[in-house]
Amino acid sequence: MVVTIDETCCVLCGLCTGVCPPNALELTPQKLEVLPHCTECGWCVPFCPVGAISGARPRAGRRPGRP
């Protein structure tokens, strides 16, 4: 799956950028962008207050990068 941002919903709050383990989200004053090194871990999905991030699902009970 590919992580996508619904630009019509995104409020540019930046919550997702603070929790992204590989720092693969870039926030500018105009938009949020998924960078090429995104691992699609889904860690950002539940942190979006408006549901603008899709395409990845977090693993229940596990943090990305941990067994």
PDB file of N, CA and C in Angstrom:
ATOM      1  N   MET A   1       0.834  -1.191   0.000  1.00  0.00           N
ATOM      2  CA  MET A   1       0.000   0.000   0.000  1.00  0.00           C
ATOM      3  C   MET A   1       0.873   1.248   0.000  1.00  0.00           C
ATOM      4  N   VAL A   2       0.349   2.294  -0.547  1.00  0.00           N
ATOM      5  CA  VAL A   2       1.068   3.559  -0.593  1.00  0.00           C
ATOM      6  C   VAL A   2       0.369   4.544   0.343  1.00  0.00           C
ATOM      7  N   VAL A   3       1.147   5.177   1.202  1.00  0.00           N
ATOM      8  CA  VAL A   3       0.587   6.175   2.113  1.00  0.00           C
ATOM      9  C   VAL A   3       0.230   7.419   1.309  1.00  0.00           C
ATOM     10  N   THR A   4      -0.994   7.889   1.485  1.00  0.00           N
ATOM     11  CA  THR A   4      -1.441   9.078   0.773  1.00  0.00           C
ATOM     12  C   THR A   4      -2.039  10.080   1.749  1.00  0.00           C
ATOM     13  N   ILE A   5      -1.985  11.332   1.355  1.00  0.00           N
ATOM     14  CA  ILE A   5      -2.540  12.429   2.145  1.00  0.00           C
ATOM     15  C   ILE A   5      -3.691  13.035   1.361  1.00  0.00           C
ATOM     16  N   ASP A   6      -4.850  13.124   1.985  1.00  0.00           N
ATOM     17  CA  ASP A   6      -5.992  13.790   1.354  1.00  0.00           C
ATOM     18  C   ASP A   6      -5.838  15.281   1.645  1.00  0.00           C
ATOM     19  N   GLU A   7      -5.381  16.012   0.656  1.00  0.00           N
ATOM     20  CA  GLU A   7      -5.102  17.440   0.842  1.00  0.00           C
ATOM     21  C   GLU A   7      -6.356  18.257   1.098  1.00  0.00           C
ATOM     22  N   THR A   8      -7.516  17.728   0.746  1.00  0.00           N
ATOM     23  CA  THR A   8      -8.757  18.453   1.008  1.00  0.00           C
ATOM     24  C   THR A   8      -9.155  18.371   2.477  1.00  0.00           C
ATOM     25  N   CYS A   9      -8.624  17.372   3.190  1.00  0.00           N
ATOM     26  CA  CYS A   9      -8.939  17.195   4.617  1.00  0.00           C
ATOM     27  C   CYS A   9      -7.817  17.663   5.540  1.00  0.00           C
ATOM     28  N   CYS A  10      -6.571  17.544   5.091  1.00  0.00           N
ATOM     29  CA  CYS A  10      -5.411  17.840   5.933  1.00  0.00           C
ATOM     30  C   CYS A  10      -5.453  19.285   6.425  1.00  0.00           C
ATOM     31  N   VAL A  11      -5.298  19.450   7.740  1.00  0.00           N
ATOM     32  CA  VAL A  11      -5.317  20.785   8.343  1.00  0.00           C
ATOM     33  C   VAL A  11      -3.907  21.285   8.672  1.00  0.00           C
ATOM     34  N   LEU A  12      -2.889  20.544   8.215  1.00  0.00           N
ATOM     35  CA  LEU A  12      -1.481  20.923   8.387  1.00  0.00           C
ATOM     36  C   LEU A  12      -1.095  21.119   9.848  1.00  0.00           C
ATOM     37  N   CYS A  13      -1.616  20.255  10.724  1.00  0.00           N
ATOM     38  CA  CYS A  13      -1.327  20.373  12.158  1.00  0.00           C
ATOM     39  C   CYS A  13       0.068  19.874  12.521  1.00  0.00           C
ATOM     40  N   GLY A  14       0.609  18.920  11.738  1.00  0.00           N
ATOM     41  CA  GLY A  14       1.951  18.412  11.978  1.00  0.00           C
ATOM     42  C   GLY A  14       2.069  17.297  12.992  1.00  0.00           C
ATOM     43  N   LEU A  15       0.960  16.822  13.546  1.00  0.00           N
ATOM     44  CA  LEU A  15       1.033  15.739  14.529  1.00  0.00           C
ATOM     45  C   LEU A  15       1.694  14.490  13.952  1.00  0.00           C
ATOM     46  N   CYS A  16       1.401  14.190  12.707  1.00  0.00           N
ATOM     47  CA  CYS A  16       1.951  12.996  12.071  1.00  0.00           C
ATOM     48  C   CYS A  16       3.467  13.081  11.901  1.00  0.00           C
ATOM     49  N   THR A  17       3.977  14.252  11.638  1.00  0.00           N
ATOM     50  CA  THR A  17       5.416  14.396  11.418  1.00  0.00           C
ATOM     51  C   THR A  17       6.205  14.109  12.681  1.00  0.00           C
ATOM     52  N   GLY A  18       5.623  14.375  13.822  1.00  0.00           N
ATOM     53  CA  GLY A  18       6.310  14.141  15.088  1.00  0.00           C
ATOM     54  C   GLY A  18       6.383  12.685  15.499  1.00  0.00           C
ATOM     55  N   VAL A  19       5.534  11.835  14.922  1.00  0.00           N
ATOM     56  CA  VAL A  19       5.520  10.424  15.308  1.00  0.00           C
ATOM     57  C   VAL A  19       6.072   9.506  14.227  1.00  0.00           C
ATOM     58  N   CYS A  20       6.415  10.035  13.078  1.00  0.00           N
ATOM     59  CA  CYS A  20       6.902   9.219  11.960  1.00  0.00           C
ATOM     60  C   CYS A  20       8.317   8.715  12.249  1.00  0.00           C
ATOM     61  N   PRO A  21       8.492   7.388  12.470  1.00  0.00           N
ATOM     62  CA  PRO A  21       9.819   6.859  12.816  1.00  0.00           C
ATOM     63  C   PRO A  21      10.913   7.158  11.798  1.00  0.00           C
ATOM     64  N   PRO A  22      10.655   7.031  10.477  1.00  0.00           N
ATOM     65  CA  PRO A  22      11.737   7.336   9.535  1.00  0.00           C
ATOM     66  C   PRO A  22      11.767   8.800   9.085  1.00  0.00           C
ATOM     67  N   ASN A  23      10.986   9.673   9.745  1.00  0.00           N
ATOM     68  CA  ASN A  23      10.911  11.083   9.347  1.00  0.00           C
ATOM     69  C   ASN A  23      10.618  11.228   7.852  1.00  0.00           C
ATOM     70  N   ALA A  24       9.586  10.517   7.414  1.00  0.00           N
ATOM     71  CA  ALA A  24       9.254  10.481   5.995  1.00  0.00           C
ATOM     72  C   ALA A  24       8.075  11.375   5.625  1.00  0.00           C
ATOM     73  N   LEU A  25       7.698  12.265   6.532  1.00  0.00           N
ATOM     74  CA  LEU A  25       6.635  13.218   6.238  1.00  0.00           C
ATOM     75  C   LEU A  25       7.207  14.617   6.339  1.00  0.00           C
ATOM     76  N   GLU A  26       6.960  15.422   5.323  1.00  0.00           N
ATOM     77  CA  GLU A  26       7.479  16.784   5.299  1.00  0.00           C
ATOM     78  C   GLU A  26       6.312  17.764   5.276  1.00  0.00           C
ATOM     79  N   LEU A  27       6.302  18.665   6.241  1.00  0.00           N
ATOM     80  CA  LEU A  27       5.235  19.655   6.351  1.00  0.00           C
ATOM     81  C   LEU A  27       5.755  21.013   5.921  1.00  0.00           C
ATOM     82  N   THR A  28       5.067  21.609   4.962  1.00  0.00           N
ATOM     83  CA  THR A  28       5.367  22.969   4.541  1.00  0.00           C
ATOM     84  C   THR A  28       4.134  23.804   4.858  1.00  0.00           C
ATOM     85  N   PRO A  29       4.213  25.105   4.752  1.00  0.00           N
ATOM     86  CA  PRO A  29       3.022  25.924   5.015  1.00  0.00           C
ATOM     87  C   PRO A  29       1.859  25.629   4.065  1.00  0.00           C
ATOM     88  N   GLN A  30       2.152  25.021   2.918  1.00  0.00           N
ATOM     89  CA  GLN A  30       1.111  24.761   1.930  1.00  0.00           C
ATOM     90  C   GLN A  30       0.592  23.331   1.917  1.00  0.00           C
ATOM     91  N   LYS A  31       1.436  22.329   2.292  1.00  0.00           N
ATOM     92  CA  LYS A  31       1.006  20.938   2.176  1.00  0.00           C
ATOM     93  C   LYS A  31       1.865  19.992   2.999  1.00  0.00           C
ATOM     94  N   LEU A  32       1.318  18.798   3.193  1.00  0.00           N
ATOM     95  CA  LEU A  32       2.038  17.696   3.824  1.00  0.00           C
ATOM     96  C   LEU A  32       2.408  16.726   2.725  1.00  0.00           C
ATOM     97  N   GLU A  33       3.666  16.308   2.693  1.00  0.00           N
ATOM     98  CA  GLU A  33       4.136  15.438   1.625  1.00  0.00           C
ATOM     99  C   GLU A  33       4.754  14.173   2.208  1.00  0.00           C
ATOM    100  N   VAL A  34       4.474  13.036   1.566  1.00  0.00           N
ATOM    101  CA  VAL A  34       5.092  11.762   1.931  1.00  0.00           C
ATOM    102  C   VAL A  34       6.364  11.635   1.117  1.00  0.00           C
ATOM    103  N   LEU A  35       7.493  11.472   1.792  1.00  0.00           N
ATOM    104  CA  LEU A  35       8.789  11.386   1.122  1.00  0.00           C
ATOM    105  C   LEU A  35       9.060   9.961   0.642  1.00  0.00           C
ATOM    106  N   PRO A  36       9.953   9.805  -0.324  1.00  0.00           N
ATOM    107  CA  PRO A  36      10.212   8.485  -0.921  1.00  0.00           C
ATOM    108  C   PRO A  36      10.689   7.422   0.066  1.00  0.00           C
ATOM    109  N   HIS A  37      11.301   7.810   1.168  1.00  0.00           N
ATOM    110  CA  HIS A  37      11.808   6.801   2.095  1.00  0.00           C
ATOM    111  C   HIS A  37      10.768   6.355   3.137  1.00  0.00           C
ATOM    112  N   CYS A  38       9.489   6.646   2.889  1.00  0.00           N
ATOM    113  CA  CYS A  38       8.406   6.182   3.753  1.00  0.00           C
ATOM    114  C   CYS A  38       8.396   4.652   3.766  1.00  0.00           C
ATOM    115  N   THR A  39       8.324   4.058   4.949  1.00  0.00           N
ATOM    116  CA  THR A  39       8.311   2.599   5.071  1.00  0.00           C
ATOM    117  C   THR A  39       6.889   2.042   5.144  1.00  0.00           C
ATOM    118  N   GLU A  40       5.886   2.908   5.080  1.00  0.00           N
ATOM    119  CA  GLU A  40       4.484   2.522   5.136  1.00  0.00           C
ATOM    120  C   GLU A  40       4.149   1.755   6.408  1.00  0.00           C
ATOM    121  N   CYS A  41       4.783   2.140   7.504  1.00  0.00           N
ATOM    122  CA  CYS A  41       4.546   1.466   8.783  1.00  0.00           C
ATOM    123  C   CYS A  41       3.166   1.780   9.343  1.00  0.00           C
ATOM    124  N   GLY A  42       2.596   2.920   8.974  1.00  0.00           N
ATOM    125  CA  GLY A  42       1.271   3.284   9.436  1.00  0.00           C
ATOM    126  C   GLY A  42       1.219   3.948  10.790  1.00  0.00           C
ATOM    127  N   TRP A  43       2.353   4.238  11.358  1.00  0.00           N
ATOM    128  CA  TRP A  43       2.395   4.845  12.687  1.00  0.00           C
ATOM    129  C   TRP A  43       1.709   6.211  12.709  1.00  0.00           C
ATOM    130  N   CYS A  44       1.696   6.898  11.593  1.00  0.00           N
ATOM    131  CA  CYS A  44       1.110   8.230  11.500  1.00  0.00           C
ATOM    132  C   CYS A  44      -0.416   8.219  11.436  1.00  0.00           C
ATOM    133  N   VAL A  45      -1.002   7.152  10.924  1.00  0.00           N
ATOM    134  CA  VAL A  45      -2.437   7.096  10.651  1.00  0.00           C
ATOM    135  C   VAL A  45      -3.308   7.451  11.858  1.00  0.00           C
ATOM    136  N   PRO A  46      -3.139   6.828  13.024  1.00  0.00           N
ATOM    137  CA  PRO A  46      -4.041   7.141  14.134  1.00  0.00           C
ATOM    138  C   PRO A  46      -3.812   8.521  14.761  1.00  0.00           C
ATOM    139  N   PHE A  47      -2.713   9.166  14.425  1.00  0.00           N
ATOM    140  CA  PHE A  47      -2.433  10.481  14.995  1.00  0.00           C
ATOM    141  C   PHE A  47      -3.071  11.619  14.214  1.00  0.00           C
ATOM    142  N   CYS A  48      -3.596  11.322  13.021  1.00  0.00           N
ATOM    143  CA  CYS A  48      -4.235  12.366  12.218  1.00  0.00           C
ATOM    144  C   CYS A  48      -5.629  12.644  12.776  1.00  0.00           C
ATOM    145  N   PRO A  49      -5.860  13.857  13.282  1.00  0.00           N
ATOM    146  CA  PRO A  49      -7.150  14.159  13.907  1.00  0.00           C
ATOM    147  C   PRO A  49      -8.320  14.260  12.934  1.00  0.00           C
ATOM    148  N   VAL A  50      -8.030  14.352  11.639  1.00  0.00           N
ATOM    149  CA  VAL A  50      -9.102  14.496  10.649  1.00  0.00           C
ATOM    150  C   VAL A  50      -9.167  13.331   9.658  1.00  0.00           C
ATOM    151  N   GLY A  51      -8.336  12.315   9.846  1.00  0.00           N
ATOM    152  CA  GLY A  51      -8.359  11.145   8.982  1.00  0.00           C
ATOM    153  C   GLY A  51      -7.873  11.389   7.570  1.00  0.00           C
ATOM    154  N   ALA A  52      -6.922  12.302   7.420  1.00  0.00           N
ATOM    155  CA  ALA A  52      -6.425  12.652   6.085  1.00  0.00           C
ATOM    156  C   ALA A  52      -5.347  11.701   5.569  1.00  0.00           C
ATOM    157  N   ILE A  53      -4.844  10.794   6.408  1.00  0.00           N
ATOM    158  CA  ILE A  53      -3.779   9.876   5.997  1.00  0.00           C
ATOM    159  C   ILE A  53      -4.371   8.487   5.799  1.00  0.00           C
ATOM    160  N   SER A  54      -4.043   7.874   4.673  1.00  0.00           N
ATOM    161  CA  SER A  54      -4.540   6.527   4.402  1.00  0.00           C
ATOM    162  C   SER A  54      -3.489   5.721   3.658  1.00  0.00           C
ATOM    163  N   GLY A  55      -3.764   4.429   3.507  1.00  0.00           N
ATOM    164  CA  GLY A  55      -2.882   3.571   2.732  1.00  0.00           C
ATOM    165  C   GLY A  55      -1.953   2.713   3.548  1.00  0.00           C
ATOM    166  N   ALA A  56      -1.975   2.846   4.853  1.00  0.00           N
ATOM    167  CA  ALA A  56      -1.162   2.008   5.731  1.00  0.00           C
ATOM    168  C   ALA A  56      -1.948   1.802   7.008  1.00  0.00           C
ATOM    169  N   ARG A  57      -1.719   0.678   7.633  1.00  0.00           N
ATOM    170  CA  ARG A  57      -2.411   0.398   8.894  1.00  0.00           C
ATOM    171  C   ARG A  57      -1.386   0.058   9.955  1.00  0.00           C
ATOM    172  N   PRO A  58      -1.498   0.697  11.125  1.00  0.00           N
ATOM    173  CA  PRO A  58      -0.549   0.384  12.189  1.00  0.00           C
ATOM    174  C   PRO A  58      -0.750  -1.029  12.699  1.00  0.00           C
ATOM    175  N   ARG A  59       0.298  -1.653  13.105  1.00  0.00           N
ATOM    176  CA  ARG A  59       0.227  -3.002  13.673  1.00  0.00           C
ATOM    177  C   ARG A  59      -0.242  -2.886  15.112  1.00  0.00           C
ATOM    178  N   ALA A  60      -1.265  -3.598  15.454  1.00  0.00           N
ATOM    179  CA  ALA A  60      -1.828  -3.537  16.805  1.00  0.00           C
ATOM    180  C   ALA A  60      -0.816  -3.969  17.837  1.00  0.00           C
ATOM    181  N   GLY A  61      -0.627  -3.127  18.854  1.00  0.00           N
ATOM    182  CA  GLY A  61       0.236  -3.478  19.972  1.00  0.00           C
ATOM    183  C   GLY A  61       1.727  -3.464  19.688  1.00  0.00           C
ATOM    184  N   ARG A  62       2.144  -3.009  18.530  1.00  0.00           N
ATOM    185  CA  ARG A  62       3.561  -2.977  18.200  1.00  0.00           C
ATOM    186  C   ARG A  62       3.962  -1.637  17.671  1.00  0.00           C
ATOM    187  N   ARG A  63       5.110  -1.187  18.092  1.00  0.00           N
ATOM    188  CA  ARG A  63       5.660   0.048  17.540  1.00  0.00           C
ATOM    189  C   ARG A  63       6.491  -0.291  16.318  1.00  0.00           C
ATOM    190  N   PRO A  64       6.484   0.560  15.309  1.00  0.00           N
ATOM    191  CA  PRO A  64       7.308   0.300  14.139  1.00  0.00           C
ATOM    192  C   PRO A  64       8.775   0.126  14.516  1.00  0.00           C
ATOM    193  N   GLY A  65       9.416  -0.816  13.879  1.00  0.00           N
ATOM    194  CA  GLY A  65      10.831  -1.052  14.131  1.00  0.00           C
ATOM    195  C   GLY A  65      11.101  -1.950  15.312  1.00  0.00           C
ATOM    196  N   ARG A  66      10.057  -2.405  15.971  1.00  0.00           N
ATOM    197  CA  ARG A  66      10.231  -3.309  17.120  1.00  0.00           C
ATOM    198  C   ARG A  66       9.602  -4.652  16.804  1.00  0.00           C
ATOM    199  N   PRO A  67      10.224  -5.737  17.245  1.00  0.00           N
ATOM    200  CA  PRO A  67       9.661  -7.080  16.979  1.00  0.00           C
ATOM    201  C   PRO A  67       8.406  -7.340  17.770  1.00  0.00           C
TER     202      PRO A  67
END
